[in-house]
Amino acid sequence: MAEHRLRPTGSGKSFIACALGNQAARDGHSVRYQRLSRLLDELAMGRAKGKYARLLARLSKVRLLILDD
């Protein structure tokens, strides 16, 4: 079984994710880049305000969702 490890700060994870997202957008795909903590806050607020289903529907339309820490 392959062992998965998190890469250290400054190793280029976000840079590579942005490069992939940029290329996907150039190829005509919808892309959304968001920090995970902000997305979780947005989902919690949407749930509290009764907009959770609408938010999930909007997210489901995105072809590539990039979540960054």
N, C-alpha and C. Protein backbone atom coordinates (compact mmCIF):
# COMPACT_ATOMS: atom_id res chain seq x y z
N MET A 1 0.85 -1.18 0.00
CA MET A 1 0.00 0.00 0.00
C MET A 1 0.89 1.24 0.00
N ALA A 2 0.57 2.18 -0.85
CA ALA A 2 1.35 3.42 -0.93
C ALA A 2 1.06 4.29 0.28
N GLU A 3 2.09 4.92 0.78
CA GLU A 3 1.94 5.80 1.92
C GLU A 3 1.79 7.23 1.42
N HIS A 4 0.76 7.92 1.89
CA HIS A 4 0.51 9.30 1.48
C HIS A 4 0.93 10.24 2.60
N ARG A 5 1.70 11.23 2.24
CA ARG A 5 2.15 12.23 3.22
C ARG A 5 1.83 13.62 2.71
N LEU A 6 1.53 14.50 3.64
CA LEU A 6 1.31 15.89 3.29
C LEU A 6 2.64 16.53 2.97
N ARG A 7 2.64 17.40 2.00
CA ARG A 7 3.86 18.11 1.63
C ARG A 7 4.02 19.34 2.52
N PRO A 8 5.26 19.71 2.82
CA PRO A 8 5.50 20.85 3.70
C PRO A 8 5.14 22.19 3.05
N THR A 9 5.01 23.21 3.87
CA THR A 9 4.75 24.56 3.40
C THR A 9 5.86 24.98 2.45
N GLY A 10 5.46 25.63 1.37
CA GLY A 10 6.43 26.13 0.41
C GLY A 10 6.89 25.13 -0.63
N SER A 11 6.23 23.98 -0.68
CA SER A 11 6.66 22.95 -1.64
C SER A 11 5.96 23.10 -3.00
N GLY A 12 5.05 24.07 -3.14
CA GLY A 12 4.44 24.36 -4.43
C GLY A 12 3.09 23.74 -4.68
N LYS A 13 2.43 23.23 -3.64
CA LYS A 13 1.12 22.59 -3.82
C LYS A 13 0.09 23.57 -4.39
N SER A 14 0.00 24.75 -3.82
CA SER A 14 -0.97 25.75 -4.29
C SER A 14 -0.61 26.22 -5.69
N PHE A 15 0.67 26.38 -5.97
CA PHE A 15 1.11 26.81 -7.29
C PHE A 15 0.68 25.81 -8.35
N ILE A 16 0.89 24.54 -8.09
CA ILE A 16 0.51 23.50 -9.05
C ILE A 16 -1.01 23.45 -9.21
N ALA A 17 -1.74 23.57 -8.11
CA ALA A 17 -3.20 23.57 -8.19
C ALA A 17 -3.70 24.74 -9.03
N CYS A 18 -3.11 25.91 -8.84
CA CYS A 18 -3.50 27.08 -9.64
C CYS A 18 -3.14 26.90 -11.11
N ALA A 19 -1.99 26.33 -11.38
CA ALA A 19 -1.58 26.09 -12.76
C ALA A 19 -2.55 25.12 -13.45
N LEU A 20 -2.93 24.06 -12.75
CA LEU A 20 -3.90 23.11 -13.31
C LEU A 20 -5.26 23.77 -13.54
N GLY A 21 -5.68 24.58 -12.57
CA GLY A 21 -6.95 25.30 -12.70
C GLY A 21 -6.92 26.29 -13.84
N ASN A 22 -5.81 26.98 -14.00
CA ASN A 22 -5.65 27.95 -15.08
C ASN A 22 -5.75 27.25 -16.43
N GLN A 23 -5.08 26.12 -16.57
CA GLN A 23 -5.13 25.39 -17.83
C GLN A 23 -6.53 24.85 -18.10
N ALA A 24 -7.20 24.36 -17.07
CA ALA A 24 -8.56 23.87 -17.23
C ALA A 24 -9.49 25.00 -17.70
N ALA A 25 -9.32 26.18 -17.12
CA ALA A 25 -10.14 27.33 -17.53
C ALA A 25 -9.85 27.70 -18.98
N ARG A 26 -8.59 27.67 -19.38
CA ARG A 26 -8.24 27.97 -20.77
C ARG A 26 -8.83 26.94 -21.73
N ASP A 27 -9.00 25.72 -21.24
CA ASP A 27 -9.59 24.66 -22.05
C ASP A 27 -11.12 24.70 -22.04
N GLY A 28 -11.68 25.71 -21.37
CA GLY A 28 -13.12 25.90 -21.39
C GLY A 28 -13.89 25.30 -20.24
N HIS A 29 -13.21 24.79 -19.25
CA HIS A 29 -13.89 24.20 -18.09
C HIS A 29 -14.13 25.26 -17.03
N SER A 30 -15.19 25.09 -16.26
CA SER A 30 -15.44 26.00 -15.15
C SER A 30 -14.56 25.57 -13.98
N VAL A 31 -13.96 26.56 -13.34
CA VAL A 31 -13.01 26.30 -12.25
C VAL A 31 -13.35 27.22 -11.08
N ARG A 32 -13.26 26.67 -9.90
CA ARG A 32 -13.42 27.48 -8.69
C ARG A 32 -12.30 27.12 -7.73
N TYR A 33 -11.58 28.13 -7.30
CA TYR A 33 -10.49 27.98 -6.34
C TYR A 33 -10.96 28.61 -5.04
N GLN A 34 -10.88 27.85 -3.95
CA GLN A 34 -11.35 28.38 -2.67
C GLN A 34 -10.60 27.75 -1.52
N ARG A 35 -10.39 28.53 -0.50
CA ARG A 35 -9.79 28.00 0.71
C ARG A 35 -10.85 27.14 1.41
N LEU A 36 -10.42 26.00 1.91
CA LEU A 36 -11.35 25.05 2.52
C LEU A 36 -12.09 25.68 3.70
N SER A 37 -11.37 26.41 4.54
CA SER A 37 -12.01 27.01 5.71
C SER A 37 -13.13 27.97 5.30
N ARG A 38 -12.91 28.72 4.24
CA ARG A 38 -13.93 29.66 3.77
C ARG A 38 -15.13 28.92 3.19
N LEU A 39 -14.88 27.83 2.47
CA LEU A 39 -15.99 27.04 1.92
C LEU A 39 -16.82 26.44 3.05
N LEU A 40 -16.17 25.91 4.07
CA LEU A 40 -16.91 25.34 5.20
C LEU A 40 -17.74 26.39 5.91
N ASP A 41 -17.19 27.60 6.06
CA ASP A 41 -17.96 28.71 6.65
C ASP A 41 -19.17 29.04 5.78
N GLU A 42 -18.94 29.09 4.46
CA GLU A 42 -20.01 29.40 3.53
C GLU A 42 -21.12 28.35 3.58
N LEU A 43 -20.73 27.09 3.67
CA LEU A 43 -21.72 26.01 3.77
C LEU A 43 -22.51 26.10 5.07
N ALA A 44 -21.82 26.39 6.18
CA ALA A 44 -22.51 26.52 7.47
C ALA A 44 -23.49 27.68 7.45
N MET A 45 -23.07 28.80 6.87
CA MET A 45 -23.96 29.97 6.79
C MET A 45 -25.14 29.67 5.88
N GLY A 46 -24.88 28.99 4.78
CA GLY A 46 -25.96 28.63 3.87
C GLY A 46 -26.98 27.71 4.52
N ARG A 47 -26.47 26.80 5.32
CA ARG A 47 -27.37 25.89 6.03
C ARG A 47 -28.23 26.65 7.03
N ALA A 48 -27.61 27.59 7.75
CA ALA A 48 -28.34 28.37 8.75
C ALA A 48 -29.38 29.29 8.11
N LYS A 49 -29.09 29.77 6.90
CA LYS A 49 -29.99 30.71 6.23
C LYS A 49 -30.96 30.02 5.27
N GLY A 50 -30.92 28.69 5.21
CA GLY A 50 -31.82 27.97 4.33
C GLY A 50 -31.41 27.99 2.87
N LYS A 51 -30.14 28.27 2.60
CA LYS A 51 -29.65 28.35 1.22
C LYS A 51 -28.66 27.23 0.91
N TYR A 52 -28.65 26.21 1.74
CA TYR A 52 -27.68 25.12 1.61
C TYR A 52 -27.83 24.38 0.28
N ALA A 53 -29.06 24.02 -0.07
CA ALA A 53 -29.30 23.28 -1.32
C ALA A 53 -28.89 24.10 -2.53
N ARG A 54 -29.17 25.39 -2.50
CA ARG A 54 -28.80 26.26 -3.62
C ARG A 54 -27.29 26.36 -3.75
N LEU A 55 -26.60 26.44 -2.63
CA LEU A 55 -25.14 26.51 -2.64
C LEU A 55 -24.54 25.21 -3.18
N LEU A 56 -25.07 24.08 -2.74
CA LEU A 56 -24.58 22.79 -3.24
C LEU A 56 -24.85 22.64 -4.74
N ALA A 57 -25.99 23.11 -5.19
CA ALA A 57 -26.31 23.05 -6.62
C ALA A 57 -25.32 23.89 -7.42
N ARG A 58 -24.98 25.06 -6.90
CA ARG A 58 -24.01 25.92 -7.58
C ARG A 58 -22.63 25.26 -7.62
N LEU A 59 -22.24 24.63 -6.52
CA LEU A 59 -20.94 23.94 -6.48
C LEU A 59 -20.91 22.75 -7.44
N SER A 60 -22.03 22.07 -7.57
CA SER A 60 -22.07 20.88 -8.42
C SER A 60 -21.90 21.21 -9.90
N LYS A 61 -22.13 22.45 -10.28
CA LYS A 61 -21.99 22.87 -11.67
C LYS A 61 -20.55 23.16 -12.05
N VAL A 62 -19.68 23.28 -11.06
CA VAL A 62 -18.27 23.58 -11.32
C VAL A 62 -17.56 22.30 -11.73
N ARG A 63 -16.86 22.35 -12.84
CA ARG A 63 -16.15 21.16 -13.36
C ARG A 63 -14.94 20.81 -12.50
N LEU A 64 -14.18 21.84 -12.07
CA LEU A 64 -12.99 21.61 -11.25
C LEU A 64 -13.06 22.50 -10.02
N LEU A 65 -13.12 21.89 -8.86
CA LEU A 65 -13.15 22.61 -7.59
C LEU A 65 -11.80 22.40 -6.91
N ILE A 66 -11.06 23.48 -6.71
CA ILE A 66 -9.75 23.40 -6.08
C ILE A 66 -9.90 23.94 -4.66
N LEU A 67 -9.61 23.07 -3.68
CA LEU A 67 -9.69 23.46 -2.28
C LEU A 67 -8.28 23.57 -1.73
N ASP A 68 -7.96 24.71 -1.17
CA ASP A 68 -6.63 24.96 -0.63
C ASP A 68 -6.74 25.10 0.88
N ASP A 69 -5.66 24.77 1.52
CA ASP A 69 -5.64 24.92 2.99
C ASP A 69 -5.15 26.30 3.29
